[in-house]
Amino acid sequence: KGDTASTNALKAATLETGAQIMVPLFINQGERIKVDTRTRGYSERVK
């Protein structure tokens, strides 16, 4: 099944600002994401 969608498999990512957050394994370098500023965590992928 590739990266399992049924688990919360995460990896570390560094944002353009230098901040580090945990993102799902399916997020690739260069992709745009939305960050929840309240929790400072990954929210969703932006198209």
PDB file of N, CA and C in Angstrom:
ATOM      1  N   LYS A   1       0.814  -1.211   0.000  1.00  0.00           N
ATOM      2  CA  LYS A   1       0.000   0.000   0.000  1.00  0.00           C
ATOM      3  C   LYS A   1       0.848   1.263   0.000  1.00  0.00           C
ATOM      4  N   GLY A   2       2.116   1.184  -0.069  1.00  0.00           N
ATOM      5  CA  GLY A   2       2.948   2.379   0.002  1.00  0.00           C
ATOM      6  C   GLY A   2       2.941   2.937   1.410  1.00  0.00           C
ATOM      7  N   ASP A   3       3.009   4.260   1.525  1.00  0.00           N
ATOM      8  CA  ASP A   3       2.930   4.899   2.846  1.00  0.00           C
ATOM      9  C   ASP A   3       1.533   4.669   3.383  1.00  0.00           C
ATOM     10  N   THR A   4       1.446   4.042   4.517  1.00  0.00           N
ATOM     11  CA  THR A   4       0.148   3.632   5.043  1.00  0.00           C
ATOM     12  C   THR A   4      -0.695   4.825   5.448  1.00  0.00           C
ATOM     13  N   ALA A   5      -1.873   4.911   4.853  1.00  0.00           N
ATOM     14  CA  ALA A   5      -2.789   6.010   5.141  1.00  0.00           C
ATOM     15  C   ALA A   5      -3.507   5.800   6.456  1.00  0.00           C
ATOM     16  N   SER A   6      -3.489   4.576   6.963  1.00  0.00           N
ATOM     17  CA  SER A   6      -4.230   4.285   8.182  1.00  0.00           C
ATOM     18  C   SER A   6      -3.436   4.598   9.450  1.00  0.00           C
ATOM     19  N   THR A   7      -2.171   4.956   9.298  1.00  0.00           N
ATOM     20  CA  THR A   7      -1.367   5.301  10.472  1.00  0.00           C
ATOM     21  C   THR A   7      -0.915   6.748  10.379  1.00  0.00           C
ATOM     22  N   ASN A   8      -0.492   7.296  11.483  1.00  0.00           N
ATOM     23  CA  ASN A   8       0.006   8.668  11.504  1.00  0.00           C
ATOM     24  C   ASN A   8       1.521   8.674  11.366  1.00  0.00           C
ATOM     25  N   ALA A   9       2.015   8.202  10.222  1.00  0.00           N
ATOM     26  CA  ALA A   9       3.449   8.160   9.970  1.00  0.00           C
ATOM     27  C   ALA A   9       3.919   9.562   9.599  1.00  0.00           C
ATOM     28  N   LEU A  10       4.840  10.103  10.385  1.00  0.00           N
ATOM     29  CA  LEU A  10       5.297  11.474  10.184  1.00  0.00           C
ATOM     30  C   LEU A  10       6.805  11.528  10.008  1.00  0.00           C
ATOM     31  N   LYS A  11       7.259  12.637   9.410  1.00  0.00           N
ATOM     32  CA  LYS A  11       8.688  12.901   9.279  1.00  0.00           C
ATOM     33  C   LYS A  11       8.911  14.382   9.555  1.00  0.00           C
ATOM     34  N   ALA A  12      10.129  14.735   9.899  1.00  0.00           N
ATOM     35  CA  ALA A  12      10.468  16.129  10.178  1.00  0.00           C
ATOM     36  C   ALA A  12      10.611  16.898   8.870  1.00  0.00           C
ATOM     37  N   ALA A  13      10.183  18.165   8.888  1.00  0.00           N
ATOM     38  CA  ALA A  13      10.327  19.035   7.724  1.00  0.00           C
ATOM     39  C   ALA A  13      10.737  20.418   8.205  1.00  0.00           C
ATOM     40  N   THR A  14      11.577  21.083   7.420  1.00  0.00           N
ATOM     41  CA  THR A  14      11.994  22.440   7.732  1.00  0.00           C
ATOM     42  C   THR A  14      11.310  23.386   6.757  1.00  0.00           C
ATOM     43  N   LEU A  15      10.629  24.389   7.278  1.00  0.00           N
ATOM     44  CA  LEU A  15       9.919  25.362   6.453  1.00  0.00           C
ATOM     45  C   LEU A  15      10.884  26.432   5.949  1.00  0.00           C
ATOM     46  N   GLU A  16      10.432  27.249   4.983  1.00  0.00           N
ATOM     47  CA  GLU A  16      11.264  28.322   4.443  1.00  0.00           C
ATOM     48  C   GLU A  16      11.712  29.289   5.528  1.00  0.00           C
ATOM     49  N   THR A  17      10.923  29.419   6.579  1.00  0.00           N
ATOM     50  CA  THR A  17      11.244  30.331   7.679  1.00  0.00           C
ATOM     51  C   THR A  17      12.280  29.754   8.629  1.00  0.00           C
ATOM     52  N   GLY A  18      12.593  28.471   8.472  1.00  0.00           N
ATOM     53  CA  GLY A  18      13.537  27.803   9.351  1.00  0.00           C
ATOM     54  C   GLY A  18      12.862  26.997  10.446  1.00  0.00           C
ATOM     55  N   ALA A  19      11.552  27.173  10.606  1.00  0.00           N
ATOM     56  CA  ALA A  19      10.806  26.422  11.613  1.00  0.00           C
ATOM     57  C   ALA A  19      10.751  24.953  11.217  1.00  0.00           C
ATOM     58  N   GLN A  20      10.757  24.075  12.210  1.00  0.00           N
ATOM     59  CA  GLN A  20      10.656  22.645  11.947  1.00  0.00           C
ATOM     60  C   GLN A  20       9.333  22.121  12.478  1.00  0.00           C
ATOM     61  N   ILE A  21       8.643  21.330  11.640  1.00  0.00           N
ATOM     62  CA  ILE A  21       7.384  20.701  12.036  1.00  0.00           C
ATOM     63  C   ILE A  21       7.384  19.261  11.541  1.00  0.00           C
ATOM     64  N   MET A  22       6.436  18.491  12.014  1.00  0.00           N
ATOM     65  CA  MET A  22       6.261  17.113  11.560  1.00  0.00           C
ATOM     66  C   MET A  22       5.167  17.093  10.496  1.00  0.00           C
ATOM     67  N   VAL A  23       5.433  16.407   9.387  1.00  0.00           N
ATOM     68  CA  VAL A  23       4.477  16.306   8.287  1.00  0.00           C
ATOM     69  C   VAL A  23       4.305  14.837   7.906  1.00  0.00           C
ATOM     70  N   PRO A  24       3.184  14.490   7.247  1.00  0.00           N
ATOM     71  CA  PRO A  24       2.985  13.108   6.792  1.00  0.00           C
ATOM     72  C   PRO A  24       4.055  12.701   5.772  1.00  0.00           C
ATOM     73  N   LEU A  25       4.282  11.402   5.659  1.00  0.00           N
ATOM     74  CA  LEU A  25       5.313  10.883   4.758  1.00  0.00           C
ATOM     75  C   LEU A  25       5.060  11.211   3.287  1.00  0.00           C
ATOM     76  N   PHE A  26       3.796  11.448   2.898  1.00  0.00           N
ATOM     77  CA  PHE A  26       3.505  11.691   1.480  1.00  0.00           C
ATOM     78  C   PHE A  26       3.861  13.110   1.027  1.00  0.00           C
ATOM     79  N   ILE A  27       4.244  13.980   1.936  1.00  0.00           N
ATOM     80  CA  ILE A  27       4.647  15.339   1.577  1.00  0.00           C
ATOM     81  C   ILE A  27       6.087  15.299   1.080  1.00  0.00           C
ATOM     82  N   ASN A  28       6.314  15.876  -0.112  1.00  0.00           N
ATOM     83  CA  ASN A  28       7.646  15.887  -0.714  1.00  0.00           C
ATOM     84  C   ASN A  28       8.268  17.272  -0.616  1.00  0.00           C
ATOM     85  N   GLN A  29       9.582  17.333  -0.731  1.00  0.00           N
ATOM     86  CA  GLN A  29      10.297  18.603  -0.687  1.00  0.00           C
ATOM     87  C   GLN A  29       9.789  19.511  -1.794  1.00  0.00           C
ATOM     88  N   GLY A  30       9.556  20.779  -1.476  1.00  0.00           N
ATOM     89  CA  GLY A  30       9.096  21.754  -2.454  1.00  0.00           C
ATOM     90  C   GLY A  30       7.592  21.907  -2.509  1.00  0.00           C
ATOM     91  N   GLU A  31       6.852  20.982  -1.910  1.00  0.00           N
ATOM     92  CA  GLU A  31       5.395  21.091  -1.896  1.00  0.00           C
ATOM     93  C   GLU A  31       4.966  22.153  -0.898  1.00  0.00           C
ATOM     94  N   ARG A  32       3.846  22.807  -1.211  1.00  0.00           N
ATOM     95  CA  ARG A  32       3.298  23.823  -0.316  1.00  0.00           C
ATOM     96  C   ARG A  32       2.317  23.168   0.636  1.00  0.00           C
ATOM     97  N   ILE A  33       2.400  23.560   1.900  1.00  0.00           N
ATOM     98  CA  ILE A  33       1.490  23.025   2.906  1.00  0.00           C
ATOM     99  C   ILE A  33       0.882  24.170   3.702  1.00  0.00           C
ATOM    100  N   LYS A  34      -0.229  23.883   4.351  1.00  0.00           N
ATOM    101  CA  LYS A  34      -0.855  24.848   5.250  1.00  0.00           C
ATOM    102  C   LYS A  34      -0.498  24.436   6.669  1.00  0.00           C
ATOM    103  N   VAL A  35      -0.049  25.414   7.472  1.00  0.00           N
ATOM    104  CA  VAL A  35       0.332  25.158   8.858  1.00  0.00           C
ATOM    105  C   VAL A  35      -0.691  25.809   9.773  1.00  0.00           C
ATOM    106  N   ASP A  36      -1.173  25.051  10.751  1.00  0.00           N
ATOM    107  CA  ASP A  36      -2.094  25.579  11.759  1.00  0.00           C
ATOM    108  C   ASP A  36      -1.258  26.389  12.747  1.00  0.00           C
ATOM    109  N   THR A  37      -1.445  27.708  12.766  1.00  0.00           N
ATOM    110  CA  THR A  37      -0.616  28.564  13.613  1.00  0.00           C
ATOM    111  C   THR A  37      -0.929  28.408  15.097  1.00  0.00           C
ATOM    112  N   ARG A  38      -2.097  27.876  15.425  1.00  0.00           N
ATOM    113  CA  ARG A  38      -2.436  27.656  16.838  1.00  0.00           C
ATOM    114  C   ARG A  38      -1.628  26.506  17.419  1.00  0.00           C
ATOM    115  N   THR A  39      -1.459  25.444  16.614  1.00  0.00           N
ATOM    116  CA  THR A  39      -0.733  24.261  17.096  1.00  0.00           C
ATOM    117  C   THR A  39       0.679  24.180  16.523  1.00  0.00           C
ATOM    118  N   ARG A  40       0.978  25.041  15.553  1.00  0.00           N
ATOM    119  CA  ARG A  40       2.265  25.019  14.839  1.00  0.00           C
ATOM    120  C   ARG A  40       2.527  23.660  14.227  1.00  0.00           C
ATOM    121  N   GLY A  41       1.468  23.074  13.666  1.00  0.00           N
ATOM    122  CA  GLY A  41       1.571  21.762  13.048  1.00  0.00           C
ATOM    123  C   GLY A  41       0.974  21.747  11.655  1.00  0.00           C
ATOM    124  N   TYR A  42       1.234  20.669  10.950  1.00  0.00           N
ATOM    125  CA  TYR A  42       0.715  20.455   9.600  1.00  0.00           C
ATOM    126  C   TYR A  42      -0.803  20.453   9.610  1.00  0.00           C
ATOM    127  N   SER A  43      -1.413  21.139   8.634  1.00  0.00           N
ATOM    128  CA  SER A  43      -2.866  21.165   8.511  1.00  0.00           C
ATOM    129  C   SER A  43      -3.309  20.430   7.248  1.00  0.00           C
ATOM    130  N   GLU A  44      -2.772  20.846   6.090  1.00  0.00           N
ATOM    131  CA  GLU A  44      -3.129  20.206   4.822  1.00  0.00           C
ATOM    132  C   GLU A  44      -2.157  20.609   3.729  1.00  0.00           C
ATOM    133  N   ARG A  45      -2.226  19.875   2.616  1.00  0.00           N
ATOM    134  CA  ARG A  45      -1.417  20.199   1.439  1.00  0.00           C
ATOM    135  C   ARG A  45      -2.160  21.250   0.627  1.00  0.00           C
ATOM    136  N   VAL A  46      -1.432  22.217   0.075  1.00  0.00           N
ATOM    137  CA  VAL A  46      -2.019  23.279  -0.737  1.00  0.00           C
ATOM    138  C   VAL A  46      -1.696  22.995  -2.192  1.00  0.00           C
ATOM    139  N   LYS A  47      -2.692  23.075  -3.048  1.00  0.00           N
ATOM    140  CA  LYS A  47      -2.486  22.830  -4.487  1.00  0.00           C
ATOM    141  C   LYS A  47      -2.013  24.081  -5.183  1.00  0.00           C
TER     142      LYS A  47
END
